[in-house]
Amino acid sequence: MDASPLPDEHKLLVVDDEPLMTELFRQYMTRRGFQVLVATTGAEAIRIAGQEAGISLVMTDMTMPGMSGVQLAEALLTELPGVPVMIATGHDASSGIEGMPTNVVAVVQKPFQNRDLIRNIRSILGLPAESS
């Protein structure tokens, strides 16, 4: 189901070292009215964050070469103050955001269902739930 465009454009930055994951996420979220920027490294994400205005949320993989998702979230505290970060992990996510940088608002377990992910993102952004 394709959603109508969102009333205010919401720009998401997704960071994952697996290009297939970023492309699938980009396609799925674009069909739901979001603008999606993609990065495959933490350094690339920081560069994009410094160049792009209006990023609403960052979703990053926890484990990436060179810079972890937690390290990226820490770096984004100054680059994107006030922008929430969601971390996706293939490991146990039950500890949640405890001990994470203050901008981390959720840790989600991979693999995840797309409908659960969109529900979580819309909730973080204060948007109404998608109609079925």
Protein backbone atom coordinates (compact mmCIF):
# COMPACT_ATOMS: atom_id res chain seq x y z
CA MET A 1 0.00 0.00 0.00
CA ASP A 2 1.35 3.42 -0.93
CA ALA A 3 0.67 6.19 1.53
CA SER A 4 -0.14 9.72 0.54
CA PRO A 5 2.71 12.20 0.94
CA LEU A 6 3.37 13.33 4.48
CA PRO A 7 2.17 16.83 5.39
CA ASP A 8 5.70 17.93 6.30
CA GLU A 9 8.54 16.32 4.41
CA HIS A 10 10.41 13.98 6.70
CA LYS A 11 13.96 13.13 5.74
CA LEU A 12 15.49 9.92 7.05
CA LEU A 13 19.17 8.99 6.97
CA VAL A 14 19.76 5.24 6.93
CA VAL A 15 23.26 3.90 7.56
CA ASP A 16 24.22 0.29 6.90
CA ASP A 17 27.36 -1.27 5.44
CA GLU A 18 25.17 -3.60 3.37
CA PRO A 19 23.98 -1.61 0.30
CA LEU A 20 21.09 -4.03 -0.27
CA MET A 21 19.69 -3.19 3.18
CA THR A 22 19.88 0.56 2.57
CA GLU A 23 18.27 0.21 -0.86
CA LEU A 24 15.38 -1.92 0.43
CA PHE A 25 14.80 0.54 3.29
CA ARG A 26 14.96 3.50 0.87
CA GLN A 27 12.40 1.95 -1.46
CA TYR A 28 10.02 0.96 1.35
CA MET A 29 10.12 4.32 3.14
CA THR A 30 9.96 6.37 -0.07
CA ARG A 31 6.70 4.61 -0.95
CA ARG A 32 5.40 5.81 2.42
CA GLY A 33 6.14 9.47 1.75
CA PHE A 34 9.58 9.83 3.34
CA GLN A 35 12.67 11.22 1.67
CA VAL A 36 15.52 8.80 2.35
CA LEU A 37 19.24 9.48 2.29
CA VAL A 38 21.61 6.52 2.48
CA ALA A 39 25.16 6.00 3.72
CA THR A 40 27.24 2.84 3.91
CA THR A 41 29.75 4.09 6.51
CA GLY A 42 29.64 6.23 9.62
CA ALA A 43 32.02 8.75 8.03
CA GLU A 44 29.72 9.07 5.01
CA ALA A 45 26.74 9.56 7.33
CA ILE A 46 28.53 12.36 9.19
CA ARG A 47 29.39 14.04 5.86
CA ILE A 48 25.75 13.82 4.73
CA ALA A 49 24.54 15.13 8.10
CA GLY A 50 26.78 18.17 7.66
CA GLN A 51 25.47 18.88 4.16
CA GLU A 52 21.76 18.05 4.34
CA ALA A 53 19.28 20.22 6.18
CA GLY A 54 16.11 18.83 7.69
CA ILE A 55 17.07 15.28 8.65
CA SER A 56 14.30 14.05 10.95
CA LEU A 57 15.69 10.68 12.06
CA VAL A 58 18.81 8.55 11.63
CA MET A 59 18.57 4.76 11.52
CA THR A 60 21.91 2.98 11.73
CA ASP A 61 23.20 -0.54 11.94
CA MET A 62 24.94 -1.29 15.24
CA THR A 63 27.91 -3.17 13.79
CA MET A 64 29.78 -1.62 10.87
CA PRO A 65 33.46 -1.51 9.93
CA GLY A 66 35.30 1.60 11.08
CA MET A 67 32.57 3.12 13.23
CA SER A 68 29.82 1.41 15.20
CA GLY A 69 26.26 2.68 15.32
CA VAL A 70 26.84 3.83 18.90
CA GLN A 71 29.97 5.76 17.86
CA LEU A 72 28.01 7.32 15.00
CA ALA A 73 25.18 8.33 17.36
CA GLU A 74 27.76 9.94 19.65
CA ALA A 75 29.26 11.88 16.72
CA LEU A 76 25.81 13.01 15.60
CA LEU A 77 25.08 14.61 18.98
CA THR A 78 26.93 17.71 17.75
CA GLU A 79 26.29 17.37 14.00
CA LEU A 80 22.52 16.83 14.31
CA PRO A 81 21.49 18.06 17.77
CA GLY A 82 17.99 17.01 18.68
CA VAL A 83 17.68 14.45 15.86
CA PRO A 84 16.68 11.00 17.15
CA VAL A 85 18.78 7.95 16.30
CA MET A 86 17.41 4.41 16.00
CA ILE A 87 19.95 1.58 16.11
CA ALA A 88 19.28 -1.79 14.45
CA THR A 89 21.15 -4.85 15.66
CA GLY A 90 21.30 -8.52 14.84
CA HIS A 91 22.25 -9.17 18.46
CA ASP A 92 20.02 -9.15 21.53
CA ALA A 93 18.30 -5.74 21.72
CA SER A 94 16.58 -6.39 25.05
CA SER A 95 18.83 -3.97 26.95
CA GLY A 96 17.33 -1.18 24.85
CA ILE A 97 18.79 2.31 25.05
CA GLU A 98 20.37 1.95 28.49
CA GLY A 99 23.91 3.31 28.38
CA MET A 100 23.47 4.70 24.86
CA PRO A 101 24.11 8.32 23.79
CA THR A 102 21.17 10.59 24.66
CA ASN A 103 20.02 10.88 21.02
CA VAL A 104 19.41 7.11 20.74
CA VAL A 105 15.65 6.66 21.15
CA ALA A 106 15.30 3.00 20.16
CA VAL A 107 17.28 -0.17 19.59
CA VAL A 108 15.49 -2.61 17.29
CA GLN A 109 16.22 -6.27 16.72
CA LYS A 110 16.97 -7.47 13.18
CA PRO A 111 15.35 -8.95 11.29
CA PHE A 112 12.31 -6.76 11.79
CA GLN A 113 8.94 -6.58 10.13
CA ASN A 114 8.54 -3.52 7.90
CA ARG A 115 5.16 -2.67 9.39
CA ASP A 116 6.66 -2.68 12.91
CA LEU A 117 9.53 -0.51 11.75
CA ILE A 118 7.27 2.08 10.10
CA ARG A 119 5.04 2.12 13.20
CA ASN A 120 8.10 2.77 15.40
CA ILE A 121 9.47 5.51 13.11
CA ARG A 122 6.11 7.27 12.83
CA SER A 123 5.73 7.14 16.62
CA ILE A 124 9.21 8.61 17.20
CA LEU A 125 8.44 11.41 14.75
CA GLY A 126 5.03 12.10 16.31
CA LEU A 127 3.17 11.14 13.14
CA PRO A 128 -0.19 9.37 13.09
CA ALA A 129 -0.18 5.63 12.47
CA GLU A 130 -0.57 4.44 8.89
CA SER A 131 -4.06 3.33 8.00
CA SER A 132 -4.31 -0.33 7.01
